[in-house]
PDB file of N, CA and C in Angstrom:
ATOM      1  N   MET A   1      49.824 -35.879  45.321  1.00  0.00           N
ATOM      2  CA  MET A   1      49.372 -35.956  43.715  1.00  0.00           C
ATOM      3  C   MET A   1      48.693 -34.880  42.673  1.00  0.00           C
ATOM      4  N   VAL A   2      49.616 -34.407  41.409  1.00  0.00           N
ATOM      5  CA  VAL A   2      49.241 -33.059  40.618  1.00  0.00           C
ATOM      6  C   VAL A   2      47.997 -34.238  39.787  1.00  0.00           C
ATOM      7  N   GLN A   3      46.596 -33.114  39.507  1.00  0.00           N
ATOM      8  CA  GLN A   3      45.604 -33.239  38.585  1.00  0.00           C
ATOM      9  C   GLN A   3      45.951 -32.420  37.209  1.00  0.00           C
ATOM     10  N   LYS A   4      46.289 -33.172  36.456  1.00  0.00           N
ATOM     11  CA  LYS A   4      46.166 -32.430  35.202  1.00  0.00           C
ATOM     12  C   LYS A   4      44.798 -32.095  34.240  1.00  0.00           C
ATOM     13  N   ILE A   5      44.714 -31.112  33.949  1.00  0.00           N
ATOM     14  CA  ILE A   5      43.840 -30.385  33.532  1.00  0.00           C
ATOM     15  C   ILE A   5      43.709 -29.801  31.980  1.00  0.00           C
ATOM     16  N   VAL A   6      43.044 -30.175  31.150  1.00  0.00           N
ATOM     17  CA  VAL A   6      43.212 -30.142  29.524  1.00  0.00           C
ATOM     18  C   VAL A   6      41.931 -28.932  29.193  1.00  0.00           C
ATOM     19  N   LYS A   7      42.133 -28.165  28.706  1.00  0.00           N
ATOM     20  CA  LYS A   7      41.485 -26.924  28.120  1.00  0.00           C
ATOM     21  C   LYS A   7      41.410 -26.681  26.710  1.00  0.00           C
ATOM     22  N   LYS A   8      40.122 -27.542  25.755  1.00  0.00           N
ATOM     23  CA  LYS A   8      40.280 -27.125  25.106  1.00  0.00           C
ATOM     24  C   LYS A   8      39.914 -25.943  24.398  1.00  0.00           C
ATOM     25  N   HIS A   9      40.059 -25.147  23.139  1.00  0.00           N
ATOM     26  CA  HIS A   9      39.376 -24.032  22.272  1.00  0.00           C
ATOM     27  C   HIS A   9      40.172 -24.068  21.401  1.00  0.00           C
ATOM     28  N   ARG A  10      38.738 -23.733  20.653  1.00  0.00           N
ATOM     29  CA  ARG A  10      38.669 -23.464  19.240  1.00  0.00           C
ATOM     30  C   ARG A  10      39.609 -22.600  18.648  1.00  0.00           C
ATOM     31  N   LEU A  11      40.119 -22.617  17.626  1.00  0.00           N
ATOM     32  CA  LEU A  11      41.200 -21.695  17.163  1.00  0.00           C
ATOM     33  C   LEU A  11      40.302 -21.232  16.214  1.00  0.00           C
ATOM     34  N   GLN A  12      40.347 -19.545  15.900  1.00  0.00           N
ATOM     35  CA  GLN A  12      39.646 -18.859  14.913  1.00  0.00           C
ATOM     36  C   GLN A  12      40.376 -19.305  13.810  1.00  0.00           C
ATOM     37  N   GLU A  13      39.416 -18.965  12.288  1.00  0.00           N
ATOM     38  CA  GLU A  13      40.091 -19.430  11.420  1.00  0.00           C
ATOM     39  C   GLU A  13      41.294 -18.982  10.986  1.00  0.00           C
ATOM     40  N   ARG A  14      41.745 -19.734  10.072  1.00  0.00           N
ATOM     41  CA  ARG A  14      43.896 -19.852   9.473  1.00  0.00           C
ATOM     42  C   ARG A  14      43.638 -18.489   8.512  1.00  0.00           C
ATOM     43  N   THR A  15      44.511 -17.428   8.915  1.00  0.00           N
ATOM     44  CA  THR A  15      44.349 -15.953   8.067  1.00  0.00           C
ATOM     45  C   THR A  15      44.774 -16.682   6.876  1.00  0.00           C
ATOM     46  N   THR A  16      44.795 -15.923   5.866  1.00  0.00           N
ATOM     47  CA  THR A  16      45.379 -16.304   4.420  1.00  0.00           C
ATOM     48  C   THR A  16      46.192 -15.435   4.377  1.00  0.00           C
ATOM     49  N   ILE A  17      46.894 -15.627   2.729  1.00  0.00           N
ATOM     50  CA  ILE A  17      48.416 -15.041   2.646  1.00  0.00           C
ATOM     51  C   ILE A  17      48.080 -13.229   2.577  1.00  0.00           C
ATOM     52  N   GLN A  18      46.754 -13.047   1.676  1.00  0.00           N
ATOM     53  CA  GLN A  18      46.308 -11.905   1.605  1.00  0.00           C
ATOM     54  C   GLN A  18      45.828 -11.181   2.462  1.00  0.00           C
ATOM     55  N   ASP A  19      45.791 -11.984   4.037  1.00  0.00           N
ATOM     56  CA  ASP A  19      45.345 -11.220   5.125  1.00  0.00           C
ATOM     57  C   ASP A  19      46.803 -10.952   5.564  1.00  0.00           C
ATOM     58  N   ASP A  20      47.559 -11.563   5.506  1.00  0.00           N
ATOM     59  CA  ASP A  20      48.724 -11.106   6.026  1.00  0.00           C
ATOM     60  C   ASP A  20      49.445  -9.712   6.022  1.00  0.00           C
ATOM     61  N   LEU A  21      49.273 -10.033   3.967  1.00  0.00           N
ATOM     62  CA  LEU A  21      49.582  -8.882   3.150  1.00  0.00           C
ATOM     63  C   LEU A  21      49.376  -7.633   3.268  1.00  0.00           C
ATOM     64  N   ALA A  22      48.303  -7.679   3.698  1.00  0.00           N
ATOM     65  CA  ALA A  22      46.818  -6.472   3.259  1.00  0.00           C
ATOM     66  C   ALA A  22      47.610  -6.106   5.417  1.00  0.00           C
ATOM     67  N   TYR A  23      47.582  -6.551   6.180  1.00  0.00           N
ATOM     68  CA  TYR A  23      48.570  -6.073   7.798  1.00  0.00           C
ATOM     69  C   TYR A  23      49.722  -5.925   7.735  1.00  0.00           C
ATOM     70  N   TRP A  24      50.298  -5.993   7.005  1.00  0.00           N
ATOM     71  CA  TRP A  24      51.777  -5.971   6.640  1.00  0.00           C
ATOM     72  C   TRP A  24      52.280  -4.773   5.852  1.00  0.00           C
ATOM     73  N   LEU A  25      50.783  -4.541   4.666  1.00  0.00           N
ATOM     74  CA  LEU A  25      51.016  -3.382   4.080  1.00  0.00           C
ATOM     75  C   LEU A  25      50.421  -2.040   4.497  1.00  0.00           C
ATOM     76  N   SER A  26      49.450  -2.341   5.695  1.00  0.00           N
ATOM     77  CA  SER A  26      48.734  -1.612   6.753  1.00  0.00           C
ATOM     78  C   SER A  26      49.905  -0.381   7.613  1.00  0.00           C
ATOM     79  N   LYS A  27      51.180  -1.197   8.033  1.00  0.00           N
ATOM     80  CA  LYS A  27      52.130  -0.724   8.551  1.00  0.00           C
ATOM     81  C   LYS A  27      52.635   0.079   8.200  1.00  0.00           C
ATOM     82  N   THR A  28      53.544   0.627   8.797  1.00  0.00           N
ATOM     83  CA  THR A  28      54.194   2.285   8.407  1.00  0.00           C
ATOM     84  C   THR A  28      55.495   1.257   8.242  1.00  0.00           C
ATOM     85  N   PRO A  29      56.612   2.049   7.321  1.00  0.00           N
ATOM     86  CA  PRO A  29      58.036   1.020   6.708  1.00  0.00           C
ATOM     87  C   PRO A  29      58.690   0.805   8.105  1.00  0.00           C
ATOM     88  N   GLU A  30      58.608   1.901   8.973  1.00  0.00           N
ATOM     89  CA  GLU A  30      59.261   2.153  10.345  1.00  0.00           C
ATOM     90  C   GLU A  30      59.449   0.182  11.109  1.00  0.00           C
ATOM     91  N   GLU A  31      57.544   0.221  10.813  1.00  0.00           N
ATOM     92  CA  GLU A  31      57.499   0.142  12.510  1.00  0.00           C
ATOM     93  C   GLU A  31      57.664  -1.737  11.438  1.00  0.00           C
ATOM     94  N   ARG A  32      57.409  -1.916   9.991  1.00  0.00           N
ATOM     95  CA  ARG A  32      57.798  -2.985   9.555  1.00  0.00           C
ATOM     96  C   ARG A  32      59.524  -3.251   9.794  1.00  0.00           C
ATOM     97  N   VAL A  33      60.458  -2.390  10.049  1.00  0.00           N
ATOM     98  CA  VAL A  33      61.851  -2.569  10.036  1.00  0.00           C
ATOM     99  C   VAL A  33      61.925  -2.779  11.229  1.00  0.00           C
ATOM    100  N   ALA A  34      61.458  -2.212  12.020  1.00  0.00           N
ATOM    101  CA  ALA A  34      61.638  -2.491  14.078  1.00  0.00           C
ATOM    102  C   ALA A  34      60.923  -3.734  14.251  1.00  0.00           C
ATOM    103  N   THR A  35      60.011  -4.341  13.531  1.00  0.00           N
ATOM    104  CA  THR A  35      59.297  -5.607  13.838  1.00  0.00           C
ATOM    105  C   THR A  35      60.857  -6.749  13.045  1.00  0.00           C
ATOM    106  N   VAL A  36      61.163  -6.666  12.121  1.00  0.00           N
ATOM    107  CA  VAL A  36      62.258  -7.280  11.747  1.00  0.00           C
ATOM    108  C   VAL A  36      63.582  -7.447  12.851  1.00  0.00           C
ATOM    109  N   ASP A  37      63.933  -5.989  13.171  1.00  0.00           N
ATOM    110  CA  ASP A  37      64.871  -5.382  13.459  1.00  0.00           C
ATOM    111  C   ASP A  37      64.452  -7.009  15.022  1.00  0.00           C
ATOM    112  N   TYR A  38      63.052  -6.501  15.818  1.00  0.00           N
ATOM    113  CA  TYR A  38      62.452  -7.306  16.902  1.00  0.00           C
ATOM    114  C   TYR A  38      62.909  -8.784  16.434  1.00  0.00           C
ATOM    115  N   LEU A  39      62.319  -9.476  15.519  1.00  0.00           N
ATOM    116  CA  LEU A  39      62.696 -11.241  15.448  1.00  0.00           C
ATOM    117  C   LEU A  39      63.964 -11.260  15.366  1.00  0.00           C
ATOM    118  N   ARG A  40      64.936 -10.353  14.437  1.00  0.00           N
ATOM    119  CA  ARG A  40      66.369 -10.665  14.435  1.00  0.00           C
ATOM    120  C   ARG A  40      67.005 -10.802  15.824  1.00  0.00           C
ATOM    121  N   ALA A  41      66.703  -9.744  16.619  1.00  0.00           N
ATOM    122  CA  ALA A  41      67.730  -9.620  17.784  1.00  0.00           C
ATOM    123  C   ALA A  41      66.771 -11.407  18.441  1.00  0.00           C
ATOM    124  N   GLN A  42      65.819 -11.787  18.351  1.00  0.00           N
ATOM    125  CA  GLN A  42      65.376 -12.752  18.994  1.00  0.00           C
ATOM    126  C   GLN A  42      66.133 -14.374  18.455  1.00  0.00           C
ATOM    127  N   TYR A  43      66.284 -14.130  17.167  1.00  0.00           N
ATOM    128  CA  TYR A  43      66.492 -15.045  16.930  1.00  0.00           C
ATOM    129  C   TYR A  43      68.364 -15.295  16.886  1.00  0.00           C
ATOM    130  N   TYR A  44      69.486 -14.340  16.746  1.00  0.00           N
ATOM    131  CA  TYR A  44      70.283 -14.349  16.629  1.00  0.00           C
ATOM    132  C   TYR A  44      71.048 -13.681  18.054  1.00  0.00           C
ATOM    133  N   GLY A  45      70.337 -12.776  18.924  1.00  0.00           N
ATOM    134  CA  GLY A  45      70.420 -12.439  20.038  1.00  0.00           C
ATOM    135  C   GLY A  45      70.629 -11.546  20.248  1.00  0.00           C
ATOM    136  N   ASN A  46      71.641  -9.949  20.931  1.00  0.00           N
ATOM    137  CA  ASN A  46      71.321  -8.591  20.932  1.00  0.00           C
ATOM    138  C   ASN A  46      72.366  -8.464  20.434  1.00  0.00           C
ATOM    139  N   ALA A  47      73.414  -8.905  19.134  1.00  0.00           N
ATOM    140  CA  ALA A  47      74.507  -8.542  18.692  1.00  0.00           C
ATOM    141  C   ALA A  47      73.654  -6.897  17.694  1.00  0.00           C
ATOM    142  N   THR A  48      74.816  -6.408  17.799  1.00  0.00           N
ATOM    143  CA  THR A  48      74.623  -4.932  16.970  1.00  0.00           C
ATOM    144  C   THR A  48      74.407  -5.434  15.274  1.00  0.00           C
ATOM    145  N   ARG A  49      75.062  -6.007  15.172  1.00  0.00           N
ATOM    146  CA  ARG A  49      74.832  -6.383  13.958  1.00  0.00           C
ATOM    147  C   ARG A  49      74.619  -7.786  13.425  1.00  0.00           C
ATOM    148  N   LEU A  50      74.626  -8.399  12.301  1.00  0.00           N
ATOM    149  CA  LEU A  50      74.249  -9.516  11.699  1.00  0.00           C
ATOM    150  C   LEU A  50      76.097 -10.012  11.576  1.00  0.00           C
ATOM    151  N   GLN A  51      76.264 -11.218  11.728  1.00  0.00           N
ATOM    152  CA  GLN A  51      77.397 -11.523  11.204  1.00  0.00           C
ATOM    153  C   GLN A  51      77.519 -11.577   9.645  1.00  0.00           C
ATOM    154  N   ARG A  52      78.904 -11.387   9.019  1.00  0.00           N
ATOM    155  CA  ARG A  52      78.872 -11.730   7.637  1.00  0.00           C
ATOM    156  C   ARG A  52      79.600 -12.883   6.979  1.00  0.00           C
ATOM    157  N   VAL A  53      79.160 -13.586   6.495  1.00  0.00           N
ATOM    158  CA  VAL A  53      79.585 -14.648   6.049  1.00  0.00           C
ATOM    159  C   VAL A  53      80.113 -15.205   4.906  1.00  0.00           C
ATOM    160  N   ALA A  54      81.602 -15.316   4.279  1.00  0.00           N
ATOM    161  CA  ALA A  54      81.841 -15.403   3.242  1.00  0.00           C
ATOM    162  C   ALA A  54      82.772 -16.626   2.317  1.00  0.00           C
ATOM    163  N   ARG A  55      81.868 -17.130   1.460  1.00  0.00           N
ATOM    164  CA  ARG A  55      82.981 -18.412   1.136  1.00  0.00           C
ATOM    165  C   ARG A  55      83.695 -18.571   0.248  1.00  0.00           C
ATOM    166  N   VAL A  56      85.220 -19.265   0.232  1.00  0.00           N
ATOM    167  CA  VAL A  56      85.940 -18.547  -1.191  1.00  0.00           C
ATOM    168  C   VAL A  56      85.980 -19.645  -1.747  1.00  0.00           C
ATOM    169  N   ILE A  57      85.676 -19.996  -2.588  1.00  0.00           N
ATOM    170  CA  ILE A  57      85.166 -21.707  -3.645  1.00  0.00           C
ATOM    171  C   ILE A  57      86.468 -21.134  -4.927  1.00  0.00           C
ATOM    172  N   GLN A  58      87.429 -22.106  -4.792  1.00  0.00           N
ATOM    173  CA  GLN A  58      88.530 -22.133  -5.886  1.00  0.00           C
ATOM    174  C   GLN A  58      87.880 -23.275  -6.692  1.00  0.00           C
ATOM    175  N   ARG A  59      88.017 -22.199  -8.392  1.00  0.00           N
ATOM    176  CA  ARG A  59      87.449 -22.965  -9.608  1.00  0.00           C
ATOM    177  C   ARG A  59      88.390 -23.160 -10.227  1.00  0.00           C
ATOM    178  N   PRO A  60      88.423 -24.542 -10.719  1.00  0.00           N
ATOM    179  CA  PRO A  60      89.704 -24.941 -11.838  1.00  0.00           C
ATOM    180  C   PRO A  60      90.115 -24.278 -12.966  1.00  0.00           C
ATOM    181  N   PRO A  61      90.965 -23.567 -13.394  1.00  0.00           N
ATOM    182  CA  PRO A  61      91.244 -23.014 -14.546  1.00  0.00           C
ATOM    183  C   PRO A  61      90.963 -23.567 -15.925  1.00  0.00           C
ATOM    184  N   ARG A  62      90.578 -22.283 -16.550  1.00  0.00           N
ATOM    185  CA  ARG A  62      90.190 -22.838 -17.745  1.00  0.00           C
ATOM    186  C   ARG A  62      91.071 -23.052 -19.223  1.00  0.00           C
TER     187      ARG A  62
END
């Protein structure tokens, strides 16, 4: 039989929005773009481009 083991750890204090903003502003624009591209690739897969989505809406004549 497998024995379950649970370990509790204290989480560090949550960062604030100002801390997050200061962190990203400390990065170069190239690093920020690279991070966004990495996250995009994780979410959408390794497509070279994002898909373009267009919706045509017929409006009634005036």
